[in-house]
N, C-alpha and C. Protein backbone atom coordinates (compact mmCIF):
# COMPACT_ATOMS: atom_id res chain seq x y z
N MET A 1 185.92 -9.00 128.98
CA MET A 1 187.10 -9.20 128.18
C MET A 1 187.17 -8.19 127.03
N ALA A 2 186.03 -7.85 126.48
CA ALA A 2 186.03 -6.90 125.36
C ALA A 2 186.59 -5.53 125.77
N PRO A 3 186.17 -4.95 126.92
CA PRO A 3 186.79 -3.68 127.31
C PRO A 3 188.30 -3.81 127.53
N PHE A 4 188.74 -4.95 128.05
CA PHE A 4 190.17 -5.18 128.23
C PHE A 4 190.90 -5.15 126.90
N LEU A 5 190.30 -5.76 125.86
CA LEU A 5 190.94 -5.76 124.55
C LEU A 5 191.07 -4.35 123.99
N LEU A 6 190.07 -3.52 124.22
CA LEU A 6 190.15 -2.13 123.76
C LEU A 6 191.26 -1.38 124.50
N ILE A 7 191.31 -1.56 125.81
CA ILE A 7 192.35 -0.90 126.61
C ILE A 7 193.73 -1.40 126.18
N LEU A 8 193.85 -2.70 125.95
CA LEU A 8 195.12 -3.28 125.50
C LEU A 8 195.54 -2.71 124.15
N GLY A 9 194.59 -2.51 123.24
CA GLY A 9 194.90 -1.92 121.94
C GLY A 9 195.45 -0.50 122.07
N PHE A 10 194.82 0.30 122.93
CA PHE A 10 195.31 1.67 123.16
C PHE A 10 196.69 1.64 123.81
N TRP A 11 196.88 0.77 124.79
CA TRP A 11 198.15 0.69 125.50
C TRP A 11 199.27 0.24 124.58
N LEU A 12 199.01 -0.78 123.76
CA LEU A 12 200.04 -1.27 122.85
C LEU A 12 200.42 -0.23 121.80
N SER A 13 199.45 0.54 121.34
CA SER A 13 199.78 1.57 120.35
C SER A 13 200.67 2.64 120.96
N ARG A 14 200.49 2.93 122.23
CA ARG A 14 201.36 3.91 122.90
C ARG A 14 202.75 3.34 123.14
N GLN A 15 202.84 2.04 123.48
CA GLN A 15 204.12 1.41 123.74
C GLN A 15 204.97 1.31 122.47
N VAL A 16 204.33 0.96 121.37
CA VAL A 16 205.05 0.79 120.11
C VAL A 16 205.60 2.12 119.61
N HIS A 17 204.80 3.17 119.77
CA HIS A 17 205.18 4.48 119.22
C HIS A 17 205.62 5.46 120.31
N ALA A 18 206.10 4.98 121.43
CA ALA A 18 206.45 5.85 122.55
C ALA A 18 207.58 6.82 122.18
N GLY A 19 208.62 6.33 121.53
CA GLY A 19 209.74 7.20 121.21
C GLY A 19 209.74 7.71 119.79
N ALA A 20 208.79 7.32 118.99
CA ALA A 20 208.78 7.71 117.58
C ALA A 20 208.11 9.07 117.38
N ALA A 21 208.55 9.75 116.35
CA ALA A 21 207.97 11.06 116.03
C ALA A 21 206.72 10.92 115.18
N THR A 22 206.44 9.72 114.71
CA THR A 22 205.26 9.51 113.87
C THR A 22 204.01 9.42 114.73
N LYS A 23 202.90 9.66 114.11
CA LYS A 23 201.62 9.59 114.80
C LYS A 23 201.27 8.13 115.09
N ALA A 24 200.88 7.84 116.32
CA ALA A 24 200.56 6.47 116.72
C ALA A 24 199.21 6.06 116.13
N THR A 25 199.17 4.88 115.56
CA THR A 25 197.91 4.34 115.08
C THR A 25 197.37 3.38 116.12
N ILE A 26 196.11 3.49 116.38
CA ILE A 26 195.47 2.66 117.39
C ILE A 26 194.89 1.43 116.70
N VAL A 27 195.27 0.28 117.20
CA VAL A 27 194.74 -0.97 116.67
C VAL A 27 193.50 -1.32 117.48
N ILE A 28 192.36 -1.27 116.83
CA ILE A 28 191.09 -1.53 117.51
C ILE A 28 190.58 -2.89 117.08
N PRO A 29 190.37 -3.79 118.05
CA PRO A 29 189.74 -5.07 117.69
C PRO A 29 188.24 -4.85 117.49
N TRP A 30 187.84 -4.73 116.24
CA TRP A 30 186.46 -4.34 115.94
C TRP A 30 185.43 -5.34 116.43
N PHE A 31 185.80 -6.63 116.53
CA PHE A 31 184.85 -7.59 117.07
C PHE A 31 184.52 -7.28 118.53
N ALA A 32 185.50 -6.72 119.26
CA ALA A 32 185.25 -6.35 120.66
C ALA A 32 184.28 -5.17 120.74
N VAL A 33 184.43 -4.22 119.83
CA VAL A 33 183.50 -3.08 119.78
C VAL A 33 182.09 -3.58 119.45
N ALA A 34 182.00 -4.48 118.47
CA ALA A 34 180.70 -5.03 118.10
C ALA A 34 180.10 -5.83 119.25
N PHE A 35 180.93 -6.57 119.99
CA PHE A 35 180.46 -7.35 121.13
C PHE A 35 179.86 -6.42 122.20
N ILE A 36 180.55 -5.33 122.48
CA ILE A 36 180.05 -4.38 123.48
C ILE A 36 178.74 -3.76 123.00
N ALA A 37 178.66 -3.42 121.72
CA ALA A 37 177.44 -2.82 121.16
C ALA A 37 176.27 -3.80 121.25
N VAL A 38 176.49 -5.06 120.90
CA VAL A 38 175.42 -6.05 120.94
C VAL A 38 175.00 -6.31 122.39
N ALA A 39 175.96 -6.39 123.30
CA ALA A 39 175.62 -6.58 124.71
C ALA A 39 174.81 -5.40 125.24
N GLY A 40 175.19 -4.20 124.84
CA GLY A 40 174.43 -3.01 125.25
C GLY A 40 173.02 -3.02 124.68
N PHE A 41 172.90 -3.39 123.42
CA PHE A 41 171.58 -3.46 122.80
C PHE A 41 170.71 -4.51 123.49
N ASN A 42 171.29 -5.66 123.80
CA ASN A 42 170.54 -6.72 124.46
C ASN A 42 170.08 -6.30 125.85
N SER A 43 170.88 -5.50 126.53
CA SER A 43 170.52 -5.06 127.89
C SER A 43 169.34 -4.09 127.89
N LEU A 44 169.02 -3.52 126.72
CA LEU A 44 167.87 -2.62 126.64
C LEU A 44 166.55 -3.39 126.67
N GLY A 45 166.59 -4.68 126.39
CA GLY A 45 165.38 -5.51 126.43
C GLY A 45 164.40 -5.25 125.30
N LEU A 46 164.90 -4.85 124.15
CA LEU A 46 164.03 -4.53 123.02
C LEU A 46 163.58 -5.76 122.24
N LEU A 47 164.35 -6.83 122.31
CA LEU A 47 164.01 -8.04 121.57
C LEU A 47 163.13 -8.95 122.41
N PRO A 48 162.17 -9.62 121.78
CA PRO A 48 161.35 -10.58 122.53
C PRO A 48 162.19 -11.75 123.04
N GLY A 49 161.74 -12.36 124.10
CA GLY A 49 162.47 -13.45 124.72
C GLY A 49 162.72 -14.62 123.79
N THR A 50 161.75 -14.90 122.91
CA THR A 50 161.92 -16.02 121.98
C THR A 50 163.05 -15.76 120.99
N VAL A 51 163.20 -14.52 120.57
CA VAL A 51 164.28 -14.16 119.64
C VAL A 51 165.63 -14.32 120.34
N VAL A 52 165.72 -13.84 121.58
CA VAL A 52 166.96 -13.95 122.34
C VAL A 52 167.31 -15.42 122.57
N THR A 53 166.31 -16.23 122.90
CA THR A 53 166.54 -17.65 123.11
C THR A 53 167.02 -18.33 121.83
N THR A 54 166.42 -17.99 120.70
CA THR A 54 166.84 -18.55 119.42
C THR A 54 168.27 -18.14 119.09
N ILE A 55 168.60 -16.89 119.32
CA ILE A 55 169.97 -16.41 119.07
C ILE A 55 170.96 -17.15 119.98
N ASN A 56 170.59 -17.36 121.23
CA ASN A 56 171.46 -18.08 122.16
C ASN A 56 171.68 -19.52 121.71
N HIS A 57 170.63 -20.17 121.20
CA HIS A 57 170.78 -21.54 120.70
C HIS A 57 171.69 -21.57 119.47
N LEU A 58 171.52 -20.62 118.55
CA LEU A 58 172.39 -20.54 117.38
C LEU A 58 173.83 -20.26 117.77
N ASP A 59 174.01 -19.40 118.75
CA ASP A 59 175.34 -19.07 119.24
C ASP A 59 176.01 -20.30 119.85
N THR A 60 175.27 -21.05 120.65
CA THR A 60 175.82 -22.27 121.25
C THR A 60 176.21 -23.27 120.18
N PHE A 61 175.38 -23.41 119.17
CA PHE A 61 175.69 -24.33 118.07
C PHE A 61 176.95 -23.88 117.33
N ALA A 62 177.04 -22.59 117.01
CA ALA A 62 178.20 -22.08 116.28
C ALA A 62 179.48 -22.25 117.11
N LEU A 63 179.41 -21.99 118.41
CA LEU A 63 180.57 -22.17 119.28
C LEU A 63 180.97 -23.64 119.35
N THR A 64 179.99 -24.52 119.42
CA THR A 64 180.27 -25.96 119.45
C THR A 64 180.96 -26.39 118.17
N MET A 65 180.50 -25.91 117.03
CA MET A 65 181.12 -26.26 115.76
C MET A 65 182.55 -25.72 115.67
N ALA A 66 182.76 -24.50 116.16
CA ALA A 66 184.11 -23.92 116.13
C ALA A 66 185.06 -24.70 117.02
N MET A 67 184.62 -25.07 118.21
CA MET A 67 185.47 -25.84 119.12
C MET A 67 185.74 -27.24 118.56
N THR A 68 184.75 -27.82 117.91
CA THR A 68 184.94 -29.13 117.28
C THR A 68 185.97 -29.04 116.16
N ALA A 69 185.89 -27.98 115.36
CA ALA A 69 186.86 -27.79 114.28
C ALA A 69 188.27 -27.63 114.83
N LEU A 70 188.41 -26.89 115.92
CA LEU A 70 189.73 -26.75 116.54
C LEU A 70 190.23 -28.09 117.05
N GLY A 71 189.35 -28.86 117.68
CA GLY A 71 189.73 -30.16 118.20
C GLY A 71 190.12 -31.13 117.11
N MET A 72 189.46 -31.05 115.99
CA MET A 72 189.77 -31.96 114.89
C MET A 72 191.13 -31.66 114.27
N GLU A 73 191.59 -30.43 114.41
CA GLU A 73 192.89 -30.05 113.87
C GLU A 73 194.03 -30.35 114.83
N THR A 74 193.72 -30.76 116.05
CA THR A 74 194.74 -31.03 117.05
C THR A 74 195.34 -32.41 116.82
N ARG A 75 196.64 -32.46 116.80
CA ARG A 75 197.37 -33.72 116.63
C ARG A 75 198.20 -33.98 117.89
N MET A 76 198.22 -35.22 118.33
CA MET A 76 198.96 -35.57 119.54
C MET A 76 200.46 -35.36 119.35
N GLU A 77 200.96 -35.42 118.13
CA GLU A 77 202.38 -35.21 117.88
C GLU A 77 202.82 -33.81 118.31
N LYS A 78 201.90 -32.85 118.23
CA LYS A 78 202.22 -31.48 118.62
C LYS A 78 202.51 -31.40 120.11
N PHE A 79 201.86 -32.24 120.90
CA PHE A 79 202.05 -32.20 122.35
C PHE A 79 203.36 -32.84 122.79
N LYS A 80 203.88 -33.76 122.00
CA LYS A 80 205.11 -34.46 122.38
C LYS A 80 206.30 -33.51 122.49
N GLY A 81 206.35 -32.52 121.64
CA GLY A 81 207.49 -31.61 121.62
C GLY A 81 207.49 -30.57 122.73
N VAL A 82 206.34 -30.28 123.34
CA VAL A 82 206.28 -29.21 124.32
C VAL A 82 206.45 -29.70 125.75
N GLY A 83 206.38 -30.98 125.98
CA GLY A 83 206.56 -31.52 127.33
C GLY A 83 205.26 -31.50 128.12
N MET A 84 205.39 -31.70 129.42
CA MET A 84 204.22 -31.84 130.29
C MET A 84 203.77 -30.52 130.94
N LYS A 85 204.56 -29.47 130.86
CA LYS A 85 204.20 -28.22 131.53
C LYS A 85 202.84 -27.67 131.08
N PRO A 86 202.54 -27.63 129.77
CA PRO A 86 201.22 -27.14 129.37
C PRO A 86 200.07 -28.04 129.87
N ILE A 87 200.32 -29.34 129.96
CA ILE A 87 199.30 -30.25 130.47
C ILE A 87 199.06 -29.98 131.95
N TYR A 88 200.14 -29.79 132.71
CA TYR A 88 199.99 -29.46 134.13
C TYR A 88 199.24 -28.15 134.31
N LEU A 89 199.58 -27.15 133.51
CA LEU A 89 198.90 -25.87 133.58
C LEU A 89 197.42 -26.02 133.26
N ALA A 90 197.10 -26.81 132.24
CA ALA A 90 195.70 -27.03 131.87
C ALA A 90 194.95 -27.71 133.01
N LEU A 91 195.57 -28.68 133.66
CA LEU A 91 194.93 -29.37 134.79
C LEU A 91 194.71 -28.43 135.97
N ILE A 92 195.69 -27.58 136.25
CA ILE A 92 195.55 -26.61 137.34
C ILE A 92 194.43 -25.63 137.03
N LEU A 93 194.38 -25.12 135.80
CA LEU A 93 193.33 -24.18 135.41
C LEU A 93 191.95 -24.85 135.44
N PHE A 94 191.89 -26.10 135.00
CA PHE A 94 190.63 -26.83 135.05
C PHE A 94 190.14 -26.96 136.49
N GLY A 95 191.04 -27.35 137.38
CA GLY A 95 190.66 -27.46 138.79
C GLY A 95 190.24 -26.13 139.38
N TRP A 96 190.99 -25.08 139.05
CA TRP A 96 190.67 -23.75 139.54
C TRP A 96 189.29 -23.31 139.05
N LEU A 97 188.99 -23.53 137.78
CA LEU A 97 187.70 -23.14 137.24
C LEU A 97 186.56 -23.97 137.83
N MET A 98 186.79 -25.23 138.05
CA MET A 98 185.75 -26.09 138.63
C MET A 98 185.45 -25.67 140.06
N VAL A 99 186.49 -25.54 140.87
CA VAL A 99 186.29 -25.17 142.28
C VAL A 99 185.79 -23.73 142.40
N GLY A 100 186.44 -22.82 141.67
CA GLY A 100 186.02 -21.42 141.71
C GLY A 100 184.62 -21.21 141.17
N GLY A 101 184.29 -21.89 140.08
CA GLY A 101 182.94 -21.78 139.52
C GLY A 101 181.89 -22.33 140.46
N TYR A 102 182.20 -23.45 141.10
CA TYR A 102 181.27 -24.03 142.06
C TYR A 102 181.06 -23.08 143.25
N GLN A 103 182.16 -22.53 143.76
CA GLN A 103 182.04 -21.63 144.90
C GLN A 103 181.28 -20.36 144.55
N MET A 104 181.50 -19.81 143.36
CA MET A 104 180.76 -18.62 142.95
C MET A 104 179.27 -18.92 142.77
N ALA A 105 178.97 -20.07 142.15
CA ALA A 105 177.56 -20.45 141.99
C ALA A 105 176.90 -20.67 143.34
N LYS A 106 177.65 -21.23 144.26
CA LYS A 106 177.13 -21.47 145.61
C LYS A 106 176.87 -20.15 146.34
N MET A 107 177.81 -19.20 146.19
CA MET A 107 177.67 -17.90 146.86
C MET A 107 176.54 -17.08 146.25
N LEU A 108 176.48 -17.06 144.92
CA LEU A 108 175.50 -16.20 144.24
C LEU A 108 174.13 -16.85 144.09
N GLY A 109 174.07 -18.17 144.20
CA GLY A 109 172.80 -18.87 143.98
C GLY A 109 172.05 -19.09 145.21
């Protein structure tokens, strides 16, 4: 996803400034660059396994807290105005991810 965000940033900067005489500014999502750098560093295997495991546990905790915070801000009243289409889409995506994830794990495992 991070490389896609970088490509999207370059593409959007060209689309916005396609007909303009001004110099196009490229919007770079710096977190995506940092993500690619950290993933590259991790692939070198320089950190001990215990450090990587600890970082993964901290990452899981931080992600859990972030998702909990998002969930706590969700109000059912917001869903009443949008109808059932987003719920149907969520159910379809959930099913797709469950079946697709199971099939990929089965094929690769």
